[in-house]
Amino acid sequence: MKFLYFDHPDLGDWRLGVLSGDGVVDVTDAVVHLPHLDNRGLINAVIAAYDETKGAIESAVSSGRPMALDSVTIRPPLPQPRQIDCMAVNYMENGTLTEKPLINGFHKSPSAIIGTGGTMVLPDVPADVFEGEAELALVIGKRCSNVSADEAMDYVFGYMNFIDGSARNLPPAGNQFFQVKSRETFAPIGPYLVTKDEVADPNNLDVRLTVNGETRQSFNTSDMAHKIPRCIEWLSAMHTLEPGDIVATGTNHRGLSPFMDGDRIELEVAGMGVLKVSVSDPLKRTWGRDSRLQHKEKGLSGPYTPQLTGKYAK
């Protein structure tokens, strides 16, 4: 199943739905009895009780009448995760690395989440560049602590598109991940949360991110240095993962390029639908359009193209 949240002018906001053909069926009433504070937390309750509620949801979908997607406003499919764990430097960069990077990760604030149709807003900070990393994210399905890699996939509920927004190289030196990664709007997800039964092999999925219609990142999740089972093993050894927690699995950095005011971003991990967001920069700063790989191939200094105009340009 593909879960999504939507607003409807008659039904109200934050309705929980399931994609059916080219439309969405409202399944809120089939699961509203589950414990939750408001509808935004209903998907977390569904995930935690999925074995018990799956049949009722499937019945609601089969008996429901799909609404056209253009008649609703799609919202983030998992608006209130307890935590977001992100894997860092987790790709072999199309096999160009001779050794696996050490396994590493960081937290990203759940308040950074936006959905398809949303806007990433670039803050007034002296970042060297703003980027968005195309990633496959997994969602934890049941409580997970000190799980072995052999058992790890039993704890996955599903998958979705994830963009890891970044404000690179902010001062002071050595104080990076929190202020670089946890800015408001820096975690676009969706449009759907796809249950794992629809994904044959999450470590063999094509990933494509476009900026204004031009492909910038294109890679396959088979290039991960540390595969999904190992990531779950490593994270669950540090802290307990709960139903609805998000794990972003990292990106291939070679195609990363600057995000700027007015950009239209589209991310599609195979089978996950298309996540569409725009970029707004109130300061109207500009950078060159070279990707990291293009910048390197030109023999230029630094890992990315420099800022050209606007506040903080050097």
Protein backbone atom coordinates (compact mmCIF):
# COMPACT_ATOMS: atom_id res chain seq x y z
CA MET A 1 0.00 0.00 0.00
CA LYS A 2 0.95 3.60 -0.52
CA PHE A 3 -0.16 5.80 2.38
CA LEU A 4 -0.55 9.54 2.12
CA TYR A 5 -2.07 12.44 4.01
CA PHE A 6 -4.30 14.94 2.26
CA ASP A 7 -6.51 17.97 2.85
CA HIS A 8 -9.97 18.07 1.29
CA PRO A 9 -12.35 21.08 1.22
CA ASP A 10 -15.26 18.97 2.48
CA LEU A 11 -13.59 16.25 4.56
CA GLY A 12 -11.10 18.51 6.33
CA ASP A 13 -7.36 18.56 6.88
CA TRP A 14 -4.90 15.75 7.54
CA ARG A 15 -7.04 12.89 6.29
CA LEU A 16 -5.20 9.58 6.02
CA GLY A 17 -5.50 7.96 2.62
CA VAL A 18 -4.28 5.10 0.49
CA LEU A 19 -3.40 5.46 -3.17
CA SER A 20 -5.81 3.47 -5.34
CA GLY A 21 -5.17 3.60 -9.07
CA ASP A 22 -4.92 7.26 -9.99
CA GLY A 23 -6.86 8.41 -6.92
CA VAL A 24 -6.86 8.34 -3.14
CA VAL A 25 -9.28 6.55 -0.80
CA ASP A 26 -9.87 8.06 2.64
CA VAL A 27 -9.21 5.39 5.29
CA THR A 28 -9.26 7.69 8.32
CA ASP A 29 -12.49 6.30 9.75
CA ALA A 30 -11.21 2.72 9.51
CA VAL A 31 -8.33 3.44 11.91
CA VAL A 32 -9.51 6.46 13.92
CA HIS A 33 -10.05 4.22 16.97
CA LEU A 34 -6.28 3.79 17.35
CA PRO A 35 -4.67 5.94 20.07
CA HIS A 36 -3.51 9.30 18.73
CA LEU A 37 -3.59 12.98 19.68
CA ASP A 38 -4.63 14.31 16.30
CA ASN A 39 -4.80 13.02 12.74
CA ARG A 40 -1.16 13.85 12.07
CA GLY A 41 -0.16 11.11 14.52
CA LEU A 42 -2.59 8.56 13.12
CA ILE A 43 -0.08 7.08 10.68
CA ASN A 44 2.31 6.35 13.57
CA ALA A 45 -0.50 4.44 15.31
CA VAL A 46 -1.26 2.55 12.09
CA ILE A 47 2.39 1.57 11.71
CA ALA A 48 2.59 0.33 15.32
CA ALA A 49 -0.60 -1.74 14.92
CA TYR A 50 -0.33 -2.62 11.26
CA ASP A 51 -0.77 -6.38 11.64
CA GLU A 52 -4.08 -5.78 13.41
CA THR A 53 -5.34 -2.97 11.17
CA LYS A 54 -4.17 -4.02 7.71
CA GLY A 55 -7.35 -5.98 6.96
CA ALA A 56 -9.64 -3.10 7.92
CA ILE A 57 -7.60 -0.71 5.80
CA GLU A 58 -7.69 -3.03 2.79
CA SER A 59 -11.47 -3.38 3.18
CA ALA A 60 -11.86 0.41 3.32
CA VAL A 61 -9.80 0.76 0.14
CA SER A 62 -11.71 -1.92 -1.77
CA SER A 63 -15.10 -0.50 -0.79
CA GLY A 64 -14.16 3.17 -1.02
CA ARG A 65 -14.51 5.51 -3.93
CA PRO A 66 -11.19 7.03 -5.00
CA MET A 67 -10.95 10.81 -5.18
CA ALA A 68 -8.86 12.39 -7.90
CA LEU A 69 -5.46 13.50 -6.65
CA ASP A 70 -5.95 16.93 -8.19
CA SER A 71 -8.99 17.41 -5.95
CA VAL A 72 -6.92 17.19 -2.75
CA THR A 73 -3.80 18.80 -1.31
CA ILE A 74 -1.16 16.17 -0.52
CA ARG A 75 0.68 16.63 2.77
CA PRO A 76 3.78 14.88 4.21
CA PRO A 77 3.00 11.15 4.64
CA LEU A 78 4.70 10.98 8.04
CA PRO A 79 4.39 14.45 9.58
CA GLN A 80 5.35 13.60 13.17
CA PRO A 81 8.17 11.04 13.36
CA ARG A 82 9.75 10.73 16.79
CA GLN A 83 13.20 11.06 15.27
CA ILE A 84 15.06 11.19 11.98
CA ASP A 85 18.39 9.34 11.77
CA CYS A 86 20.50 10.09 8.69
CA MET A 87 23.42 8.06 7.42
CA ALA A 88 26.46 10.16 6.49
CA VAL A 89 28.89 9.46 3.63
CA ASN A 90 27.20 6.14 2.89
CA TYR A 91 27.86 5.69 -0.83
CA MET A 92 30.82 4.38 -2.79
CA GLU A 93 30.36 7.25 -5.27
CA ASN A 94 29.73 5.00 -8.27
CA GLY A 95 32.54 2.70 -7.18
CA THR A 96 35.18 5.44 -7.22
CA LEU A 97 36.06 4.97 -3.54
CA THR A 98 38.64 2.27 -2.96
CA GLU A 99 37.57 1.60 0.63
CA LYS A 100 34.27 1.81 2.45
CA PRO A 101 33.92 5.03 4.48
CA LEU A 102 33.52 4.50 8.20
CA ILE A 103 29.88 4.14 9.16
CA ASN A 104 28.53 7.44 10.47
CA GLY A 105 25.30 9.34 10.96
CA PHE A 106 23.51 12.30 12.52
CA HIS A 107 20.13 13.43 13.77
CA LYS A 108 17.87 15.75 11.78
CA SER A 109 15.06 17.63 13.46
CA PRO A 110 11.55 16.27 12.74
CA SER A 111 10.37 19.88 12.58
CA ALA A 112 12.26 20.21 9.28
CA ILE A 113 9.70 18.05 7.46
CA ILE A 114 7.67 19.37 4.51
CA GLY A 115 5.72 17.50 1.86
CA THR A 116 5.36 17.50 -1.89
CA GLY A 117 4.33 20.92 -3.14
CA GLY A 118 6.16 22.54 -0.24
CA THR A 119 8.98 25.06 -0.30
CA MET A 120 12.52 24.79 1.01
CA VAL A 121 13.43 28.21 2.39
CA LEU A 122 17.11 29.12 2.43
CA PRO A 123 17.98 30.92 5.69
CA ASP A 124 20.01 34.08 6.16
CA VAL A 125 23.24 32.34 7.13
CA PRO A 126 26.75 32.42 5.59
CA ALA A 127 26.68 28.95 4.07
CA ASP A 128 29.18 28.21 1.32
CA VAL A 129 26.35 26.57 -0.61
CA PHE A 130 22.87 25.10 -0.11
CA GLU A 131 22.27 21.58 -1.38
CA GLY A 132 19.59 18.90 -1.25
CA GLU A 133 20.62 15.25 -1.22
CA ALA A 134 18.46 12.68 -3.00
CA GLU A 135 17.89 9.75 -0.66
CA LEU A 136 15.83 6.65 -0.02
CA ALA A 137 14.41 6.73 3.50
CA LEU A 138 13.07 3.76 5.41
CA VAL A 139 10.46 3.87 8.16
CA ILE A 140 10.72 1.63 11.21
CA GLY A 141 7.74 -0.66 11.79
CA LYS A 142 8.28 -1.98 15.31
CA ARG A 143 10.39 -1.32 18.36
CA CYS A 144 13.99 -2.02 17.47
CA SER A 145 16.92 -2.29 19.91
CA ASN A 146 20.25 -4.08 19.43
CA VAL A 147 18.98 -5.83 16.32
CA SER A 148 21.37 -7.88 14.20
CA ALA A 149 21.77 -7.22 10.49
CA ASP A 150 20.29 -10.66 9.79
CA GLU A 151 17.04 -9.66 11.54
CA ALA A 152 16.99 -5.99 10.65
CA MET A 153 14.63 -6.08 7.68
CA ASP A 154 11.89 -7.54 9.88
CA TYR A 155 11.73 -4.15 11.58
CA VAL A 156 11.10 -2.09 8.43
CA PHE A 157 7.58 -0.84 7.70
CA GLY A 158 8.18 0.92 4.40
CA TYR A 159 10.06 3.43 2.28
CA MET A 160 9.74 6.92 0.82
CA ASN A 161 11.57 9.70 -1.01
CA PHE A 162 13.68 11.96 1.21
CA ILE A 163 15.66 15.13 0.45
CA ASP A 164 18.35 16.00 2.97
CA GLY A 165 18.70 19.78 2.83
CA SER A 166 22.10 21.15 3.82
CA ALA A 167 23.63 24.58 4.50
CA ARG A 168 27.30 23.78 3.99
CA ASN A 169 30.32 24.86 6.02
CA LEU A 170 28.74 27.23 8.52
CA PRO A 171 30.99 28.77 11.18
CA PRO A 172 32.35 28.01 13.68
CA ALA A 173 34.43 25.12 12.39
CA GLY A 174 33.62 21.77 13.98
CA ASN A 175 30.01 22.73 14.77
CA GLN A 176 28.42 21.29 11.67
CA PHE A 177 25.67 18.72 11.57
CA PHE A 178 23.00 20.36 13.73
CA GLN A 179 23.06 23.80 12.15
CA VAL A 180 23.75 22.45 8.66
CA LYS A 181 20.98 19.84 8.60
CA SER A 182 18.14 20.78 10.98
CA ARG A 183 16.90 24.02 9.44
CA GLU A 184 13.16 24.50 8.95
CA THR A 185 11.93 22.94 5.66
CA PHE A 186 15.18 20.98 5.16
CA ALA A 187 13.53 17.53 5.16
CA PRO A 188 11.09 17.13 2.24
CA ILE A 189 9.45 13.67 2.21
CA GLY A 190 6.78 11.85 0.21
CA PRO A 191 4.46 12.01 -1.54
CA TYR A 192 3.77 8.49 -0.30
CA LEU A 193 4.90 6.07 2.38
CA VAL A 194 5.20 2.76 0.53
CA THR A 195 4.88 -0.46 2.52
CA LYS A 196 7.84 -2.81 2.25
CA ASP A 197 5.88 -5.56 0.51
CA GLU A 198 5.83 -3.36 -2.60
CA VAL A 199 9.64 -3.03 -2.71
CA ALA A 200 11.43 -6.18 -3.85
CA ASP A 201 14.94 -4.97 -3.06
CA PRO A 202 15.53 -1.55 -1.46
CA ASN A 203 19.23 -1.92 -2.19
CA ASN A 204 18.56 -1.97 -5.93
CA LEU A 205 16.50 1.11 -6.70
CA ASP A 206 17.19 3.87 -9.21
CA VAL A 207 17.31 7.38 -7.72
CA ARG A 208 16.87 10.50 -9.84
CA LEU A 209 16.78 14.15 -8.79
CA THR A 210 16.18 16.97 -11.25
CA VAL A 211 16.60 20.72 -10.86
CA ASN A 212 14.41 22.73 -13.23
CA GLY A 213 13.95 19.62 -15.35
CA GLU A 214 17.67 18.82 -15.65
CA THR A 215 18.95 15.61 -14.10
CA ARG A 216 21.54 16.36 -11.44
CA GLN A 217 21.69 13.16 -9.39
CA SER A 218 21.23 9.72 -10.92
CA PHE A 219 22.41 6.60 -9.11
CA ASN A 220 21.28 3.26 -7.72
CA THR A 221 20.93 2.32 -4.07
CA SER A 222 23.14 -0.72 -4.76
CA ASP A 223 26.06 1.75 -4.42
CA MET A 224 25.49 2.07 -0.65
CA ALA A 225 28.64 1.43 1.32
CA HIS A 226 26.71 0.13 4.31
CA LYS A 227 23.52 -1.63 3.25
CA ILE A 228 20.21 -1.09 4.99
CA PRO A 229 20.47 -4.09 7.38
CA ARG A 230 23.86 -2.86 8.61
CA CYS A 231 22.53 0.69 9.06
CA ILE A 232 19.67 -0.57 11.24
CA GLU A 233 22.04 -2.78 13.21
CA TRP A 234 24.38 0.14 13.88
CA LEU A 235 21.67 2.64 14.80
CA SER A 236 19.70 0.27 17.02
CA ALA A 237 22.87 -0.50 18.99
CA MET A 238 23.06 3.18 19.98
CA HIS A 239 19.41 3.93 20.67
CA THR A 240 16.04 2.29 20.40
CA LEU A 241 14.11 2.87 17.20
CA GLU A 242 10.32 3.13 17.45
CA PRO A 243 7.48 2.69 14.93
CA GLY A 244 7.41 5.68 12.62
CA ASP A 245 11.07 6.65 13.10
CA ILE A 246 12.77 7.63 9.85
CA VAL A 247 16.19 6.43 8.67
CA ALA A 248 17.58 8.30 5.66
CA THR A 249 20.14 6.08 3.95
CA GLY A 250 22.51 8.64 2.41
CA THR A 251 23.35 9.85 -1.08
CA ASN A 252 25.85 9.71 -3.92
CA HIS A 253 27.50 13.13 -3.68
CA ARG A 254 28.90 13.43 -7.21
CA GLY A 255 25.75 14.99 -8.68
CA LEU A 256 25.04 17.44 -5.87
CA SER A 257 24.62 21.01 -7.07
CA PRO A 258 23.46 24.30 -5.54
CA PHE A 259 19.82 24.94 -4.70
CA MET A 260 18.77 28.53 -5.46
CA ASP A 261 15.77 30.79 -5.38
CA GLY A 262 13.05 29.72 -7.80
CA ASP A 263 14.40 26.22 -8.38
CA ARG A 264 11.92 23.41 -9.01
CA ILE A 265 13.16 20.15 -7.53
CA GLU A 266 11.84 16.68 -8.32
CA LEU A 267 13.01 13.46 -6.68
CA GLU A 268 11.94 9.98 -7.71
CA VAL A 269 13.21 6.82 -6.10
CA ALA A 270 11.80 3.94 -8.16
CA GLY A 271 8.32 3.02 -6.94
CA MET A 272 8.02 5.92 -4.49
CA GLY A 273 6.19 8.44 -6.66
CA VAL A 274 7.60 11.90 -7.41
CA LEU A 275 8.42 14.37 -4.64
CA LYS A 276 8.14 17.94 -5.93
CA VAL A 277 9.35 20.98 -4.00
CA SER A 278 10.39 24.52 -4.81
CA VAL A 279 13.19 26.63 -3.36
CA SER A 280 12.89 30.15 -2.00
CA ASP A 281 15.77 32.41 -1.02
CA PRO A 282 14.63 35.83 0.24
CA LEU A 283 18.22 37.05 -0.31
CA LYS A 284 18.24 35.97 -4.01
CA ARG A 285 21.80 34.65 -3.83
CA THR A 286 23.27 32.83 -6.83
CA TRP A 287 25.86 30.12 -7.44
CA GLY A 288 27.24 28.43 -10.51
CA ARG A 289 25.28 25.41 -11.70
CA ASP A 290 28.17 22.94 -11.76
CA SER A 291 27.70 19.70 -9.85
CA ARG A 292 30.39 18.61 -7.43
CA LEU A 293 31.76 16.21 -10.05
CA GLN A 294 31.79 18.88 -12.77
CA HIS A 295 33.52 21.31 -10.42
CA LYS A 296 36.17 18.71 -9.61
CA GLU A 297 36.70 17.77 -13.25
CA LYS A 298 37.44 21.42 -14.05
CA GLY A 299 40.26 21.31 -11.50
CA LEU A 300 38.76 24.09 -9.40
CA SER A 301 39.41 24.48 -5.68
CA GLY A 302 36.99 23.37 -3.00
CA PRO A 303 34.30 20.69 -3.17
CA TYR A 304 31.60 22.85 -4.78
CA THR A 305 31.08 25.86 -7.00
CA PRO A 306 31.45 29.24 -5.23
CA GLN A 307 28.72 31.78 -4.57
CA LEU A 308 28.52 34.37 -7.35
CA THR A 309 26.24 37.13 -6.09
CA GLY A 310 24.33 38.32 -3.05
CA LYS A 311 24.90 38.54 0.68
CA TYR A 312 27.97 36.63 1.94
CA ALA A 313 29.52 36.31 -1.55
CA LYS A 314 33.32 36.43 -1.29
